[in-house]
Amino acid sequence: MAFRLSGFARALVVCSLVFVLVSQQGLIAQSQVVRPSELKDAIAKATVARQKNLDQVRSFFSSKPVKSVLSKASISSDRIDRAVSSMSADELAKLAQRTQKIQSDFAAGSLSNQELTYVVIALAAAVLVLIVVAAD
């Protein structure tokens, strides 16, 4: 059984298919456009998040117990601060989470002074190593 279309019906089917394909392309193209306001908002949110993480890490490394540990280990807090400032946003976010957890554990008594010493030295060394590796 053969299916036959008249000339008008063929033209109508072809036009319909072309219209559907063209309209879908337009919708796809419109959905991928980023508005300047959306881009500006995303940049602002990233900046605020980075500053929050930077403040958290700086607060941790400038606290009295941590400064004491760093001075005993002969690690300059200025060098740590410079290294932290040059970290990527992802690295900084991870470090901020770790420092916040360490601060809360120490405040709750979960960490002794000796454990805090080991953790601080390990974190400081990790920060310095990350910067050295990133510089290469």
C-alpha atoms as a PDB file:
ATOM      1  CA  MET A   1       0.000   0.000   0.000  1.00  0.00           C
ATOM      2  CA  ALA A   2       1.650   3.164  -1.153  1.00  0.00           C
ATOM      3  CA  PHE A   3       1.110   6.487   0.547  1.00  0.00           C
ATOM      4  CA  ARG A   4       0.887   9.339  -1.927  1.00  0.00           C
ATOM      5  CA  LEU A   5       0.670  13.046  -1.311  1.00  0.00           C
ATOM      6  CA  SER A   6      -0.446  15.727  -3.675  1.00  0.00           C
ATOM      7  CA  GLY A   7       1.914  18.558  -4.545  1.00  0.00           C
ATOM      8  CA  PHE A   8       0.221  20.917  -2.120  1.00  0.00           C
ATOM      9  CA  ALA A   9       0.345  18.381   0.714  1.00  0.00           C
ATOM     10  CA  ARG A  10       4.050  17.733   0.102  1.00  0.00           C
ATOM     11  CA  ALA A  11       4.805  21.444   0.181  1.00  0.00           C
ATOM     12  CA  LEU A  12       2.793  21.795   3.392  1.00  0.00           C
ATOM     13  CA  VAL A  13       4.673  18.912   5.079  1.00  0.00           C
ATOM     14  CA  VAL A  14       8.059  20.305   3.996  1.00  0.00           C
ATOM     15  CA  CYS A  15       7.197  23.803   5.203  1.00  0.00           C
ATOM     16  CA  SER A  16       5.968  22.421   8.524  1.00  0.00           C
ATOM     17  CA  LEU A  17       9.157  20.439   9.067  1.00  0.00           C
ATOM     18  CA  VAL A  18      11.325  23.437   8.176  1.00  0.00           C
ATOM     19  CA  PHE A  19       9.338  25.640  10.563  1.00  0.00           C
ATOM     20  CA  VAL A  20       9.682  23.129  13.424  1.00  0.00           C
ATOM     21  CA  LEU A  21      13.420  22.736  12.904  1.00  0.00           C
ATOM     22  CA  VAL A  22      14.055  26.475  12.647  1.00  0.00           C
ATOM     23  CA  SER A  23      11.949  27.299  15.718  1.00  0.00           C
ATOM     24  CA  GLN A  24      13.772  24.668  17.813  1.00  0.00           C
ATOM     25  CA  GLN A  25      17.156  26.082  16.804  1.00  0.00           C
ATOM     26  CA  GLY A  26      15.992  29.527  17.903  1.00  0.00           C
ATOM     27  CA  LEU A  27      14.862  28.194  21.282  1.00  0.00           C
ATOM     28  CA  ILE A  28      18.134  26.365  21.827  1.00  0.00           C
ATOM     29  CA  ALA A  29      20.150  29.448  20.914  1.00  0.00           C
ATOM     30  CA  GLN A  30      18.093  31.653  23.244  1.00  0.00           C
ATOM     31  CA  SER A  31      18.530  29.295  26.219  1.00  0.00           C
ATOM     32  CA  GLN A  32      22.336  29.480  26.000  1.00  0.00           C
ATOM     33  CA  VAL A  33      22.586  33.261  26.172  1.00  0.00           C
ATOM     34  CA  VAL A  34      23.873  34.616  29.491  1.00  0.00           C
ATOM     35  CA  ARG A  35      22.566  37.996  30.449  1.00  0.00           C
ATOM     36  CA  PRO A  36      25.081  40.575  31.728  1.00  0.00           C
ATOM     37  CA  SER A  37      23.129  40.898  34.979  1.00  0.00           C
ATOM     38  CA  GLU A  38      23.345  37.130  35.570  1.00  0.00           C
ATOM     39  CA  LEU A  39      27.069  37.200  34.886  1.00  0.00           C
ATOM     40  CA  LYS A  40      27.521  40.156  37.227  1.00  0.00           C
ATOM     41  CA  ASP A  41      25.555  38.382  39.977  1.00  0.00           C
ATOM     42  CA  ALA A  42      27.625  35.215  39.582  1.00  0.00           C
ATOM     43  CA  ILE A  43      30.859  37.187  39.810  1.00  0.00           C
ATOM     44  CA  ALA A  44      29.614  39.035  42.879  1.00  0.00           C
ATOM     45  CA  LYS A  45      28.615  35.775  44.600  1.00  0.00           C
ATOM     46  CA  ALA A  46      31.992  34.208  43.812  1.00  0.00           C
ATOM     47  CA  THR A  47      33.783  37.281  45.162  1.00  0.00           C
ATOM     48  CA  VAL A  48      31.764  37.251  48.377  1.00  0.00           C
ATOM     49  CA  ALA A  49      32.352  33.512  48.854  1.00  0.00           C
ATOM     50  CA  ARG A  50      36.097  33.895  48.249  1.00  0.00           C
ATOM     51  CA  GLN A  51      36.333  36.789  50.704  1.00  0.00           C
ATOM     52  CA  LYS A  52      34.403  34.807  53.330  1.00  0.00           C
ATOM     53  CA  ASN A  53      36.745  31.830  52.900  1.00  0.00           C
ATOM     54  CA  LEU A  54      39.789  34.093  52.968  1.00  0.00           C
ATOM     55  CA  ASP A  55      38.585  35.724  56.184  1.00  0.00           C
ATOM     56  CA  GLN A  56      37.993  32.303  57.763  1.00  0.00           C
ATOM     57  CA  VAL A  57      41.474  31.037  56.905  1.00  0.00           C
ATOM     58  CA  ARG A  58      43.171  34.276  57.962  1.00  0.00           C
ATOM     59  CA  SER A  59      41.236  34.243  61.219  1.00  0.00           C
ATOM     60  CA  PHE A  60      42.427  30.703  61.886  1.00  0.00           C
ATOM     61  CA  PHE A  61      46.085  31.402  61.153  1.00  0.00           C
ATOM     62  CA  SER A  62      45.998  34.647  63.160  1.00  0.00           C
ATOM     63  CA  SER A  63      44.486  33.088  66.285  1.00  0.00           C
ATOM     64  CA  LYS A  64      46.732  33.002  69.334  1.00  0.00           C
ATOM     65  CA  PRO A  65      47.208  29.203  69.613  1.00  0.00           C
ATOM     66  CA  VAL A  66      47.940  28.854  65.891  1.00  0.00           C
ATOM     67  CA  LYS A  67      50.393  31.770  65.875  1.00  0.00           C
ATOM     68  CA  SER A  68      52.187  30.158  68.812  1.00  0.00           C
ATOM     69  CA  VAL A  69      52.476  26.857  66.941  1.00  0.00           C
ATOM     70  CA  LEU A  70      53.686  28.582  63.773  1.00  0.00           C
ATOM     71  CA  SER A  71      56.369  30.516  65.632  1.00  0.00           C
ATOM     72  CA  LYS A  72      57.598  27.328  67.344  1.00  0.00           C
ATOM     73  CA  ALA A  73      57.781  25.645  63.932  1.00  0.00           C
ATOM     74  CA  SER A  74      59.619  28.654  62.450  1.00  0.00           C
ATOM     75  CA  ILE A  75      56.908  29.232  59.879  1.00  0.00           C
ATOM     76  CA  SER A  76      56.226  32.846  59.021  1.00  0.00           C
ATOM     77  CA  SER A  77      52.576  33.818  59.319  1.00  0.00           C
ATOM     78  CA  ASP A  78      53.163  36.448  56.603  1.00  0.00           C
ATOM     79  CA  ARG A  79      54.309  33.738  54.221  1.00  0.00           C
ATOM     80  CA  ILE A  80      51.191  31.707  55.016  1.00  0.00           C
ATOM     81  CA  ASP A  81      49.021  34.786  54.435  1.00  0.00           C
ATOM     82  CA  ARG A  82      50.627  35.463  51.045  1.00  0.00           C
ATOM     83  CA  ALA A  83      50.253  31.819  50.082  1.00  0.00           C
ATOM     84  CA  VAL A  84      46.603  31.730  51.105  1.00  0.00           C
ATOM     85  CA  SER A  85      45.888  34.878  49.094  1.00  0.00           C
ATOM     86  CA  SER A  86      47.157  33.254  45.923  1.00  0.00           C
ATOM     87  CA  MET A  87      45.184  30.010  46.273  1.00  0.00           C
ATOM     88  CA  SER A  88      42.433  29.134  43.825  1.00  0.00           C
ATOM     89  CA  ALA A  89      38.823  29.498  44.928  1.00  0.00           C
ATOM     90  CA  ASP A  90      38.356  25.719  45.237  1.00  0.00           C
ATOM     91  CA  GLU A  91      41.515  25.201  47.260  1.00  0.00           C
ATOM     92  CA  LEU A  92      40.634  28.131  49.490  1.00  0.00           C
ATOM     93  CA  ALA A  93      37.102  26.791  50.076  1.00  0.00           C
ATOM     94  CA  LYS A  94      38.462  23.385  51.107  1.00  0.00           C
ATOM     95  CA  LEU A  95      41.031  24.968  53.409  1.00  0.00           C
ATOM     96  CA  ALA A  96      38.367  27.212  54.971  1.00  0.00           C
ATOM     97  CA  GLN A  97      36.216  24.148  55.712  1.00  0.00           C
ATOM     98  CA  ARG A  98      39.138  22.376  57.328  1.00  0.00           C
ATOM     99  CA  THR A  99      40.166  25.363  59.440  1.00  0.00           C
ATOM    100  CA  GLN A 100      36.587  25.901  60.589  1.00  0.00           C
ATOM    101  CA  LYS A 101      36.320  22.252  61.647  1.00  0.00           C
ATOM    102  CA  ILE A 102      39.655  22.429  63.478  1.00  0.00           C
ATOM    103  CA  GLN A 103      38.610  25.596  65.305  1.00  0.00           C
ATOM    104  CA  SER A 104      35.313  24.072  66.390  1.00  0.00           C
ATOM    105  CA  ASP A 105      37.002  20.815  67.462  1.00  0.00           C
ATOM    106  CA  PHE A 106      39.608  22.714  69.481  1.00  0.00           C
ATOM    107  CA  ALA A 107      36.970  24.938  71.088  1.00  0.00           C
ATOM    108  CA  ALA A 108      34.893  21.885  71.984  1.00  0.00           C
ATOM    109  CA  GLY A 109      37.919  20.199  73.548  1.00  0.00           C
ATOM    110  CA  SER A 110      38.119  17.447  70.942  1.00  0.00           C
ATOM    111  CA  LEU A 111      41.724  18.411  70.129  1.00  0.00           C
ATOM    112  CA  SER A 112      44.534  18.712  72.636  1.00  0.00           C
ATOM    113  CA  ASN A 113      47.265  21.327  72.298  1.00  0.00           C
ATOM    114  CA  GLN A 114      49.630  18.693  70.930  1.00  0.00           C
ATOM    115  CA  GLU A 115      47.094  17.530  68.337  1.00  0.00           C
ATOM    116  CA  LEU A 116      46.441  21.144  67.369  1.00  0.00           C
ATOM    117  CA  THR A 117      50.177  21.625  66.912  1.00  0.00           C
ATOM    118  CA  TYR A 118      50.408  18.685  64.543  1.00  0.00           C
ATOM    119  CA  VAL A 119      47.329  19.743  62.591  1.00  0.00           C
ATOM    120  CA  VAL A 120      48.492  23.363  62.230  1.00  0.00           C
ATOM    121  CA  ILE A 121      51.959  22.349  61.051  1.00  0.00           C
ATOM    122  CA  ALA A 122      50.425  19.920  58.558  1.00  0.00           C
ATOM    123  CA  LEU A 123      48.018  22.560  57.236  1.00  0.00           C
ATOM    124  CA  ALA A 124      50.721  25.202  56.951  1.00  0.00           C
ATOM    125  CA  ALA A 125      52.985  22.760  55.128  1.00  0.00           C
ATOM    126  CA  ALA A 126      50.136  21.785  52.798  1.00  0.00           C
ATOM    127  CA  VAL A 127      49.444  25.449  51.980  1.00  0.00           C
ATOM    128  CA  LEU A 128      53.101  26.101  51.208  1.00  0.00           C
ATOM    129  CA  VAL A 129      53.392  22.939  49.109  1.00  0.00           C
ATOM    130  CA  LEU A 130      50.275  23.859  47.113  1.00  0.00           C
ATOM    131  CA  ILE A 131      51.774  27.237  46.301  1.00  0.00           C
ATOM    132  CA  VAL A 132      55.138  25.789  45.313  1.00  0.00           C
ATOM    133  CA  VAL A 133      53.459  23.209  43.070  1.00  0.00           C
ATOM    134  CA  ALA A 134      51.208  25.858  41.511  1.00  0.00           C
ATOM    135  CA  ALA A 135      54.242  28.066  40.781  1.00  0.00           C
ATOM    136  CA  ASP A 136      55.889  25.314  38.726  1.00  0.00           C
END
